[in-house]
N, C-alpha and C. Protein backbone atom coordinates (compact mmCIF):
# COMPACT_ATOMS: atom_id res chain seq x y z
N UNK A 1 -1.59 -7.17 -17.83
CA UNK A 1 -1.76 -5.85 -17.85
C UNK A 1 -0.12 -4.60 -18.02
N UNK A 2 -0.71 -3.40 -18.72
CA UNK A 2 1.12 -2.79 -19.17
C UNK A 2 0.84 -1.46 -18.27
N UNK A 3 0.69 -0.68 -17.45
CA UNK A 3 0.38 0.63 -16.68
C UNK A 3 0.92 1.75 -17.99
N UNK A 4 0.22 2.53 -17.77
CA UNK A 4 0.90 3.13 -19.13
C UNK A 4 0.26 4.74 -18.44
N UNK A 5 0.06 4.97 -16.68
CA UNK A 5 0.15 6.32 -15.95
C UNK A 5 0.19 6.00 -14.80
N UNK A 6 1.02 6.98 -13.63
CA UNK A 6 1.05 6.67 -13.09
C UNK A 6 0.63 7.95 -12.32
N UNK A 7 -0.87 8.23 -11.49
CA UNK A 7 -0.94 9.83 -11.25
C UNK A 7 -1.57 10.04 -9.64
N UNK A 8 -1.44 10.46 -8.55
CA UNK A 8 -1.88 10.81 -7.98
C UNK A 8 -3.01 12.23 -7.88
N UNK A 9 -3.49 12.63 -9.20
CA UNK A 9 -4.15 13.46 -9.61
C UNK A 9 -5.66 12.77 -10.70
N UNK A 10 -6.68 12.92 -10.01
CA UNK A 10 -7.91 12.52 -10.00
C UNK A 10 -8.42 12.80 -11.16
N UNK A 11 -7.96 14.17 -11.30
CA UNK A 11 -8.57 14.84 -12.90
C UNK A 11 -8.06 14.61 -14.56
N UNK A 12 -6.70 13.90 -13.87
CA UNK A 12 -6.17 13.78 -14.93
C UNK A 12 -6.64 12.15 -15.26
N UNK A 13 -6.57 11.63 -14.39
CA UNK A 13 -6.84 10.11 -14.43
C UNK A 13 -7.68 9.90 -14.71
N UNK A 14 -9.11 10.51 -15.04
CA UNK A 14 -10.53 10.79 -15.21
C UNK A 14 -10.44 10.94 -16.59
N UNK A 15 -9.39 11.90 -16.95
CA UNK A 15 -9.24 12.31 -18.64
C UNK A 15 -8.98 11.34 -19.17
N UNK A 16 -7.26 10.99 -18.83
CA UNK A 16 -6.77 9.72 -19.64
C UNK A 16 -7.87 8.53 -19.78
N UNK A 17 -8.64 8.09 -18.77
CA UNK A 17 -9.56 6.87 -18.95
C UNK A 17 -10.49 7.28 -19.98
N UNK A 18 -10.93 8.58 -20.17
CA UNK A 18 -12.20 9.19 -20.94
C UNK A 18 -11.32 9.12 -22.64
N UNK A 19 -9.94 9.30 -22.57
CA UNK A 19 -9.32 9.71 -23.54
C UNK A 19 -8.82 8.00 -24.34
N UNK A 20 -8.92 6.83 -23.94
CA UNK A 20 -8.23 5.91 -23.82
C UNK A 20 -10.00 5.36 -24.25
N UNK A 21 -10.28 5.62 -23.47
CA UNK A 21 -11.98 4.86 -24.26
C UNK A 21 -12.85 5.45 -25.50
N UNK A 22 -12.12 6.75 -25.75
CA UNK A 22 -12.34 7.39 -26.90
C UNK A 22 -12.07 6.66 -28.16
N UNK A 23 -10.64 5.96 -27.92
CA UNK A 23 -9.57 5.95 -28.64
C UNK A 23 -9.87 4.30 -28.78
N UNK A 24 -11.04 4.12 -28.23
CA UNK A 24 -11.40 2.37 -28.54
C UNK A 24 -10.80 1.43 -27.30
N UNK A 25 -9.88 1.82 -26.64
CA UNK A 25 -8.89 1.52 -25.72
C UNK A 25 -9.31 0.48 -24.54
N UNK A 26 -9.10 -0.45 -23.69
CA UNK A 26 -9.57 -0.48 -22.61
C UNK A 26 -9.32 -0.58 -21.92
N UNK A 27 -9.20 0.50 -20.36
CA UNK A 27 -8.24 0.24 -19.63
C UNK A 27 -8.96 0.16 -18.28
N UNK A 28 -8.12 -0.25 -17.28
CA UNK A 28 -8.33 -0.27 -15.69
C UNK A 28 -7.72 0.72 -14.84
N UNK A 29 -7.89 1.01 -13.90
CA UNK A 29 -7.42 1.79 -12.74
C UNK A 29 -7.16 0.71 -11.84
N UNK A 30 -5.78 0.45 -11.29
CA UNK A 30 -5.29 -0.28 -10.24
C UNK A 30 -5.19 0.68 -9.27
N UNK A 31 -5.38 0.41 -7.82
CA UNK A 31 -4.44 1.08 -7.02
C UNK A 31 -6.10 2.36 -6.58
N UNK A 32 -6.99 1.87 -7.15
CA UNK A 32 -8.00 2.99 -6.47
C UNK A 32 -8.78 3.29 -5.09
N UNK A 33 -8.52 1.80 -4.51
CA UNK A 33 -8.71 1.35 -3.30
C UNK A 33 -7.54 1.49 -2.54
N UNK A 34 -6.69 1.42 -2.43
CA UNK A 34 -5.28 2.56 -1.54
C UNK A 34 -6.01 3.67 -0.89
N UNK A 35 -6.81 4.70 -1.58
CA UNK A 35 -7.04 6.20 -0.85
C UNK A 35 -8.13 5.88 0.44
N UNK A 36 -8.26 4.54 0.77
CA UNK A 36 -9.12 4.02 2.31
C UNK A 36 -7.89 3.73 2.93
N UNK A 37 -7.23 3.13 2.58
CA UNK A 37 -6.08 2.50 3.49
C UNK A 37 -5.13 3.82 3.70
N UNK A 38 -4.57 4.56 2.38
CA UNK A 38 -4.16 5.43 3.31
C UNK A 38 -4.27 6.91 3.70
N UNK A 39 -5.80 7.12 3.79
CA UNK A 39 -6.70 8.02 4.38
C UNK A 39 -6.67 8.94 3.39
N UNK A 40 -6.91 9.01 2.16
CA UNK A 40 -6.91 9.53 0.93
C UNK A 40 -5.89 10.93 1.18
N UNK A 41 -4.26 10.89 1.26
CA UNK A 41 -3.78 11.74 1.04
C UNK A 41 -3.11 11.62 -0.03
N UNK A 42 -3.27 10.99 -0.91
CA UNK A 42 -2.64 11.07 -2.17
C UNK A 42 -0.99 10.44 -1.71
N UNK A 43 -0.80 9.64 -1.22
CA UNK A 43 0.75 8.90 -0.94
C UNK A 43 0.73 7.97 -2.42
N UNK A 44 -0.68 6.82 -2.14
CA UNK A 44 0.11 6.51 -3.41
C UNK A 44 -0.80 6.41 -4.60
N UNK A 45 0.40 6.72 -6.25
CA UNK A 45 -0.15 6.78 -6.87
C UNK A 45 -1.33 6.13 -7.93
N UNK A 46 -2.35 6.09 -8.72
CA UNK A 46 -2.89 4.85 -9.36
C UNK A 46 -2.55 5.07 -10.54
N UNK A 47 -2.76 3.43 -10.70
CA UNK A 47 -2.06 3.21 -12.05
C UNK A 47 -3.20 3.21 -13.17
N UNK A 48 -2.71 3.25 -14.33
CA UNK A 48 -3.94 3.00 -15.51
C UNK A 48 -3.19 2.04 -16.59
N UNK A 49 -4.04 1.35 -16.30
CA UNK A 49 -3.23 -0.19 -17.18
C UNK A 49 -4.19 -0.39 -18.42
N UNK A 50 -3.74 -0.83 -19.28
CA UNK A 50 -4.41 -1.61 -20.38
C UNK A 50 -3.63 -2.99 -20.81
N UNK A 51 -4.39 -3.12 -22.00
CA UNK A 51 -3.78 -4.87 -22.41
C UNK A 51 -2.32 -4.71 -23.31
N UNK A 52 -1.91 -6.03 -22.85
CA UNK A 52 -0.08 -5.62 -23.78
C UNK A 52 -0.32 -4.75 -25.22
N UNK A 53 -0.91 -5.83 -25.85
CA UNK A 53 -1.10 -5.37 -27.11
C UNK A 53 -1.61 -3.48 -27.44
N UNK A 54 -2.53 -2.82 -26.54
CA UNK A 54 -2.66 -2.30 -26.36
C UNK A 54 -2.25 -0.85 -26.21
N UNK A 55 -0.83 -1.32 -26.00
CA UNK A 55 -0.10 -0.52 -25.25
C UNK A 55 0.67 1.02 -25.63
N UNK A 56 1.11 0.50 -26.99
CA UNK A 56 1.84 2.36 -27.66
C UNK A 56 0.58 2.69 -28.19
N UNK A 57 -0.72 2.35 -28.57
CA UNK A 57 -1.56 3.05 -29.02
C UNK A 57 -2.31 4.05 -27.78
N UNK A 58 -1.91 3.27 -26.38
CA UNK A 58 -2.14 3.72 -25.22
C UNK A 58 -1.42 5.04 -24.91
N UNK A 59 -0.22 4.71 -25.55
CA UNK A 59 0.82 5.64 -24.62
C UNK A 59 0.64 6.76 -26.14
N UNK A 60 0.07 6.67 -27.09
CA UNK A 60 -0.13 7.51 -28.80
C UNK A 60 -1.30 8.35 -28.27
N UNK A 61 -2.74 8.04 -27.33
CA UNK A 61 -3.14 8.56 -27.09
C UNK A 61 -3.29 9.34 -25.96
N UNK A 62 -1.83 9.26 -24.93
CA UNK A 62 -1.93 10.18 -23.77
C UNK A 62 -0.62 10.98 -24.05
N UNK A 63 -0.42 10.88 -25.29
CA UNK A 63 1.19 11.65 -25.62
C UNK A 63 0.21 12.82 -26.15
N UNK A 64 -0.68 12.37 -26.92
CA UNK A 64 -1.75 13.80 -27.77
C UNK A 64 -2.27 14.52 -26.60
N UNK A 65 -3.02 13.82 -25.57
CA UNK A 65 -3.49 14.60 -24.21
C UNK A 65 -2.43 15.54 -23.35
N UNK A 66 -1.39 15.27 -23.27
CA UNK A 66 -0.90 15.39 -22.79
C UNK A 66 -0.41 16.78 -23.48
N UNK A 67 -0.10 17.07 -24.94
CA UNK A 67 -0.08 18.15 -25.16
C UNK A 67 -1.29 19.24 -25.61
N UNK A 68 -1.81 18.60 -25.40
CA UNK A 68 -3.78 19.36 -25.14
C UNK A 68 -3.40 19.77 -23.70
N UNK A 69 -3.52 19.48 -22.83
CA UNK A 69 -3.00 20.00 -21.60
C UNK A 69 -1.60 20.67 -21.64
N UNK A 70 -0.75 20.66 -21.84
CA UNK A 70 0.12 21.81 -21.66
C UNK A 70 0.14 23.01 -22.82
N UNK A 71 -0.69 22.63 -23.84
CA UNK A 71 -0.83 24.07 -24.81
C UNK A 71 -2.05 24.25 -24.09
N UNK A 72 -3.40 24.10 -23.46
CA UNK A 72 -3.66 24.71 -22.62
C UNK A 72 -5.31 24.40 -24.00
N UNK A 73 -5.02 23.69 -25.06
CA UNK A 73 -5.86 23.15 -25.95
C UNK A 73 -7.31 22.62 -25.29
N UNK A 74 -6.91 21.64 -24.26
CA UNK A 74 -8.36 21.73 -23.35
C UNK A 74 -8.94 22.29 -22.95
N UNK A 75 -7.97 23.21 -22.04
CA UNK A 75 -8.88 23.57 -21.37
C UNK A 75 -9.76 24.74 -22.25
N UNK A 76 -9.80 25.59 -23.34
CA UNK A 76 -10.17 26.30 -24.36
C UNK A 76 -11.30 25.26 -25.02
N UNK A 77 -11.36 23.72 -25.10
CA UNK A 77 -12.61 23.36 -25.31
C UNK A 77 -13.34 23.27 -24.56
N UNK A 78 -12.82 22.91 -23.58
CA UNK A 78 -13.86 22.83 -22.35
C UNK A 78 -14.84 24.30 -22.00
N UNK A 79 -14.21 25.07 -22.06
CA UNK A 79 -14.40 26.72 -22.02
C UNK A 79 -15.68 26.49 -22.85
N UNK A 80 -14.97 26.32 -24.37
CA UNK A 80 -16.07 26.08 -25.38
C UNK A 80 -17.39 25.70 -25.63
N UNK A 81 -17.35 24.49 -24.72
CA UNK A 81 -18.71 23.94 -24.21
C UNK A 81 -19.59 23.80 -23.14
N UNK A 82 -18.55 25.09 -22.13
CA UNK A 82 -19.86 25.62 -21.44
C UNK A 82 -20.00 27.09 -22.04
N UNK A 83 -19.69 27.58 -23.01
CA UNK A 83 -20.38 28.57 -23.77
C UNK A 83 -21.77 28.39 -24.68
N UNK A 84 -21.47 27.16 -24.76
CA UNK A 84 -22.56 26.67 -25.34
C UNK A 84 -23.75 26.37 -24.24
N UNK A 85 -23.45 25.83 -23.77
CA UNK A 85 -24.79 26.04 -22.78
C UNK A 85 -25.52 26.92 -22.86
N UNK A 86 -26.63 26.80 -22.30
CA UNK A 86 -28.00 27.90 -22.45
C UNK A 86 -28.04 28.54 -20.92
N UNK A 87 -28.36 30.04 -21.24
CA UNK A 87 -28.39 30.39 -19.76
C UNK A 87 -29.24 29.85 -18.84
N UNK A 88 -28.78 30.32 -17.89
CA UNK A 88 -29.85 29.92 -17.04
C UNK A 88 -30.63 30.70 -15.77
């Protein structure tokens, strides 16, 4: 397995796992149980792992995700989805 992301940010990790799944890339989160040991203070980053033959595709998909996050495109698409929901 190859690490393609190390982060303490659970939202970013979730978005990365989802993006890889959309691209058909299987991934596994390592070190998620460390929060029980560390007291959930975020001292140890979680690692997103992929098979060695998927590493370059995974890095490409995560680079696009990073650009979307930095540009605000991801936030705009989430807001647009919220706008489509029926009023309560």
